[in-house]
Amino acid sequence: MNGNFSMAPLLFQQLYVIHVKVNSVLITAAFILLTNKTESCHEKM
């Protein structure tokens, strides 16, 4: 899992990308855009 602040679109505060390993290949499983950086927002994620 990777949280990136600088890559998020203007309407969002943070972009999370979740990667999984399948047969020795790392693939992107999910993109999550967060509207703020609060603990409750991260818990809902």
PDB file of N, CA and C in Angstrom:
ATOM      1  N   MET A   1       0.849  -1.161   0.000  1.00  0.00           N
ATOM      2  CA  MET A   1       0.000   0.000   0.000  1.00  0.00           C
ATOM      3  C   MET A   1       0.899   1.229   0.000  1.00  0.00           C
ATOM      4  N   ASN A   2       0.486   2.230  -0.739  1.00  0.00           N
ATOM      5  CA  ASN A   2       1.284   3.441  -0.848  1.00  0.00           C
ATOM      6  C   ASN A   2       0.357   4.648  -0.803  1.00  0.00           C
ATOM      7  N   GLY A   3       0.629   5.577   0.103  1.00  0.00           N
ATOM      8  CA  GLY A   3      -0.124   6.826   0.175  1.00  0.00           C
ATOM      9  C   GLY A   3       0.703   7.947  -0.410  1.00  0.00           C
ATOM     10  N   ASN A   4       0.168   8.642  -1.382  1.00  0.00           N
ATOM     11  CA  ASN A   4       0.915   9.678  -2.071  1.00  0.00           C
ATOM     12  C   ASN A   4       0.108  10.974  -2.069  1.00  0.00           C
ATOM     13  N   PHE A   5       0.701  12.040  -1.552  1.00  0.00           N
ATOM     14  CA  PHE A   5       0.018  13.329  -1.473  1.00  0.00           C
ATOM     15  C   PHE A   5       0.161  14.136  -2.760  1.00  0.00           C
ATOM     16  N   SER A   6       1.306  14.085  -3.403  1.00  0.00           N
ATOM     17  CA  SER A   6       1.559  14.954  -4.555  1.00  0.00           C
ATOM     18  C   SER A   6       0.892  14.471  -5.840  1.00  0.00           C
ATOM     19  N   MET A   7       0.467  13.212  -5.917  1.00  0.00           N
ATOM     20  CA  MET A   7      -0.136  12.674  -7.131  1.00  0.00           C
ATOM     21  C   MET A   7      -1.663  12.768  -7.135  1.00  0.00           C
ATOM     22  N   ALA A   8      -2.267  13.192  -6.054  1.00  0.00           N
ATOM     23  CA  ALA A   8      -3.727  13.260  -5.967  1.00  0.00           C
ATOM     24  C   ALA A   8      -4.271  14.406  -6.834  1.00  0.00           C
ATOM     25  N   PRO A   9      -5.403  14.171  -7.529  1.00  0.00           N
ATOM     26  CA  PRO A   9      -6.045  15.254  -8.282  1.00  0.00           C
ATOM     27  C   PRO A   9      -6.457  16.396  -7.361  1.00  0.00           C
ATOM     28  N   LEU A  10      -6.711  17.554  -7.903  1.00  0.00           N
ATOM     29  CA  LEU A  10      -6.974  18.757  -7.114  1.00  0.00           C
ATOM     30  C   LEU A  10      -8.130  18.635  -6.129  1.00  0.00           C
ATOM     31  N   LEU A  11      -9.159  17.869  -6.434  1.00  0.00           N
ATOM     32  CA  LEU A  11     -10.313  17.744  -5.540  1.00  0.00           C
ATOM     33  C   LEU A  11     -10.043  16.840  -4.338  1.00  0.00           C
ATOM     34  N   PHE A  12      -8.910  16.165  -4.326  1.00  0.00           N
ATOM     35  CA  PHE A  12      -8.605  15.204  -3.276  1.00  0.00           C
ATOM     36  C   PHE A  12      -7.295  15.552  -2.587  1.00  0.00           C
ATOM     37  N   GLN A  13      -7.129  15.041  -1.358  1.00  0.00           N
ATOM     38  CA  GLN A  13      -5.934  15.333  -0.574  1.00  0.00           C
ATOM     39  C   GLN A  13      -4.872  14.240  -0.691  1.00  0.00           C
ATOM     40  N   GLN A  14      -5.308  13.004  -0.960  1.00  0.00           N
ATOM     41  CA  GLN A  14      -4.358  11.899  -0.952  1.00  0.00           C
ATOM     42  C   GLN A  14      -4.823  10.785  -1.887  1.00  0.00           C
ATOM     43  N   LEU A  15      -3.866  10.172  -2.548  1.00  0.00           N
ATOM     44  CA  LEU A  15      -4.114   9.020  -3.403  1.00  0.00           C
ATOM     45  C   LEU A  15      -3.449   7.804  -2.775  1.00  0.00           C
ATOM     46  N   TYR A  16      -4.215   6.748  -2.531  1.00  0.00           N
ATOM     47  CA  TYR A  16      -3.682   5.480  -2.038  1.00  0.00           C
ATOM     48  C   TYR A  16      -3.745   4.476  -3.182  1.00  0.00           C
ATOM     49  N   VAL A  17      -2.683   3.733  -3.344  1.00  0.00           N
ATOM     50  CA  VAL A  17      -2.627   2.682  -4.351  1.00  0.00           C
ATOM     51  C   VAL A  17      -2.310   1.378  -3.641  1.00  0.00           C
ATOM     52  N   ILE A  18      -3.129   0.355  -3.884  1.00  0.00           N
ATOM     53  CA  ILE A  18      -2.900  -0.954  -3.277  1.00  0.00           C
ATOM     54  C   ILE A  18      -2.432  -1.908  -4.372  1.00  0.00           C
ATOM     55  N   HIS A  19      -1.285  -2.548  -4.117  1.00  0.00           N
ATOM     56  CA  HIS A  19      -0.699  -3.502  -5.052  1.00  0.00           C
ATOM     57  C   HIS A  19      -0.791  -4.902  -4.457  1.00  0.00           C
ATOM     58  N   VAL A  20      -0.955  -5.893  -5.317  1.00  0.00           N
ATOM     59  CA  VAL A  20      -0.951  -7.297  -4.889  1.00  0.00           C
ATOM     60  C   VAL A  20       0.006  -8.079  -5.782  1.00  0.00           C
ATOM     61  N   LYS A  21       0.536  -9.139  -5.225  1.00  0.00           N
ATOM     62  CA  LYS A  21       1.440  -9.998  -5.973  1.00  0.00           C
ATOM     63  C   LYS A  21       0.667 -11.230  -6.442  1.00  0.00           C
ATOM     64  N   VAL A  22       0.646 -11.448  -7.760  1.00  0.00           N
ATOM     65  CA  VAL A  22      -0.037 -12.594  -8.359  1.00  0.00           C
ATOM     66  C   VAL A  22       0.967 -13.320  -9.253  1.00  0.00           C
ATOM     67  N   ASN A  23       1.277 -14.547  -8.883  1.00  0.00           N
ATOM     68  CA  ASN A  23       2.240 -15.344  -9.679  1.00  0.00           C
ATOM     69  C   ASN A  23       3.539 -14.579  -9.925  1.00  0.00           C
ATOM     70  N   SER A  24       4.102 -14.022  -8.878  1.00  0.00           N
ATOM     71  CA  SER A  24       5.377 -13.279  -8.926  1.00  0.00           C
ATOM     72  C   SER A  24       5.305 -11.973  -9.711  1.00  0.00           C
ATOM     73  N   VAL A  25       4.097 -11.509 -10.029  1.00  0.00           N
ATOM     74  CA  VAL A  25       3.920 -10.238 -10.738  1.00  0.00           C
ATOM     75  C   VAL A  25       3.149  -9.286  -9.838  1.00  0.00           C
ATOM     76  N   LEU A  26       3.659  -8.082  -9.681  1.00  0.00           N
ATOM     77  CA  LEU A  26       2.999  -7.067  -8.863  1.00  0.00           C
ATOM     78  C   LEU A  26       2.008  -6.298  -9.737  1.00  0.00           C
ATOM     79  N   ILE A  27       0.722  -6.307  -9.338  1.00  0.00           N
ATOM     80  CA  ILE A  27      -0.295  -5.588 -10.104  1.00  0.00           C
ATOM     81  C   ILE A  27      -1.021  -4.603  -9.191  1.00  0.00           C
ATOM     82  N   THR A  28      -1.589  -3.564  -9.780  1.00  0.00           N
ATOM     83  CA  THR A  28      -2.373  -2.586  -9.038  1.00  0.00           C
ATOM     84  C   THR A  28      -3.774  -3.141  -8.839  1.00  0.00           C
ATOM     85  N   ALA A  29      -4.201  -3.241  -7.576  1.00  0.00           N
ATOM     86  CA  ALA A  29      -5.512  -3.798  -7.256  1.00  0.00           C
ATOM     87  C   ALA A  29      -6.554  -2.703  -7.032  1.00  0.00           C
ATOM     88  N   ALA A  30      -6.126  -1.536  -6.524  1.00  0.00           N
ATOM     89  CA  ALA A  30      -7.099  -0.480  -6.225  1.00  0.00           C
ATOM     90  C   ALA A  30      -6.433   0.884  -6.176  1.00  0.00           C
ATOM     91  N   PHE A  31      -7.173   1.889  -6.607  1.00  0.00           N
ATOM     92  CA  PHE A  31      -6.817   3.291  -6.434  1.00  0.00           C
ATOM     93  C   PHE A  31      -7.868   3.877  -5.502  1.00  0.00           C
ATOM     94  N   ILE A  32      -7.439   4.563  -4.453  1.00  0.00           N
ATOM     95  CA  ILE A  32      -8.373   5.153  -3.494  1.00  0.00           C
ATOM     96  C   ILE A  32      -8.041   6.634  -3.357  1.00  0.00           C
ATOM     97  N   LEU A  33      -9.019   7.478  -3.628  1.00  0.00           N
ATOM     98  CA  LEU A  33      -8.839   8.926  -3.504  1.00  0.00           C
ATOM     99  C   LEU A  33      -9.478   9.389  -2.205  1.00  0.00           C
ATOM    100  N   LEU A  34      -8.703  10.029  -1.338  1.00  0.00           N
ATOM    101  CA  LEU A  34      -9.190  10.502  -0.049  1.00  0.00           C
ATOM    102  C   LEU A  34      -9.408  12.010  -0.096  1.00  0.00           C
ATOM    103  N   THR A  35     -10.531  12.440   0.484  1.00  0.00           N
ATOM    104  CA  THR A  35     -10.864  13.868   0.455  1.00  0.00           C
ATOM    105  C   THR A  35     -10.153  14.672   1.531  1.00  0.00           C
ATOM    106  N   ASN A  36      -9.644  13.994   2.554  1.00  0.00           N
ATOM    107  CA  ASN A  36      -8.870  14.693   3.581  1.00  0.00           C
ATOM    108  C   ASN A  36      -7.888  13.722   4.221  1.00  0.00           C
ATOM    109  N   LYS A  37      -7.116  14.211   5.179  1.00  0.00           N
ATOM    110  CA  LYS A  37      -6.062  13.406   5.790  1.00  0.00           C
ATOM    111  C   LYS A  37      -6.379  13.020   7.234  1.00  0.00           C
ATOM    112  N   THR A  38      -7.673  13.018   7.585  1.00  0.00           N
ATOM    113  CA  THR A  38      -8.046  12.719   8.962  1.00  0.00           C
ATOM    114  C   THR A  38      -8.005  11.225   9.241  1.00  0.00           C
ATOM    115  N   GLU A  39      -7.921  10.888  10.525  1.00  0.00           N
ATOM    116  CA  GLU A  39      -7.897   9.492  10.928  1.00  0.00           C
ATOM    117  C   GLU A  39      -9.204   8.786  10.553  1.00  0.00           C
ATOM    118  N   SER A  40     -10.334   9.478  10.697  1.00  0.00           N
ATOM    119  CA  SER A  40     -11.621   8.854  10.372  1.00  0.00           C
ATOM    120  C   SER A  40     -11.723   8.550   8.872  1.00  0.00           C
ATOM    121  N   CYS A  41     -11.159   9.386   8.039  1.00  0.00           N
ATOM    122  CA  CYS A  41     -11.163   9.132   6.599  1.00  0.00           C
ATOM    123  C   CYS A  41     -10.334   7.879   6.283  1.00  0.00           C
ATOM    124  N   HIS A  42      -9.194   7.737   6.956  1.00  0.00           N
ATOM    125  CA  HIS A  42      -8.347   6.568   6.732  1.00  0.00           C
ATOM    126  C   HIS A  42      -9.013   5.302   7.273  1.00  0.00           C
ATOM    127  N   GLU A  43      -9.748   5.400   8.358  1.00  0.00           N
ATOM    128  CA  GLU A  43     -10.454   4.234   8.903  1.00  0.00           C
ATOM    129  C   GLU A  43     -11.539   3.757   7.949  1.00  0.00           C
ATOM    130  N   LYS A  44     -12.239   4.697   7.301  1.00  0.00           N
ATOM    131  CA  LYS A  44     -13.286   4.333   6.346  1.00  0.00           C
ATOM    132  C   LYS A  44     -12.705   3.659   5.102  1.00  0.00           C
ATOM    133  N   MET A  45     -11.483   4.008   4.780  1.00  0.00           N
ATOM    134  CA  MET A  45     -10.811   3.421   3.621  1.00  0.00           C
ATOM    135  C   MET A  45     -10.665   1.939   3.828  1.00  0.00           C
TER     136      MET A  45
END
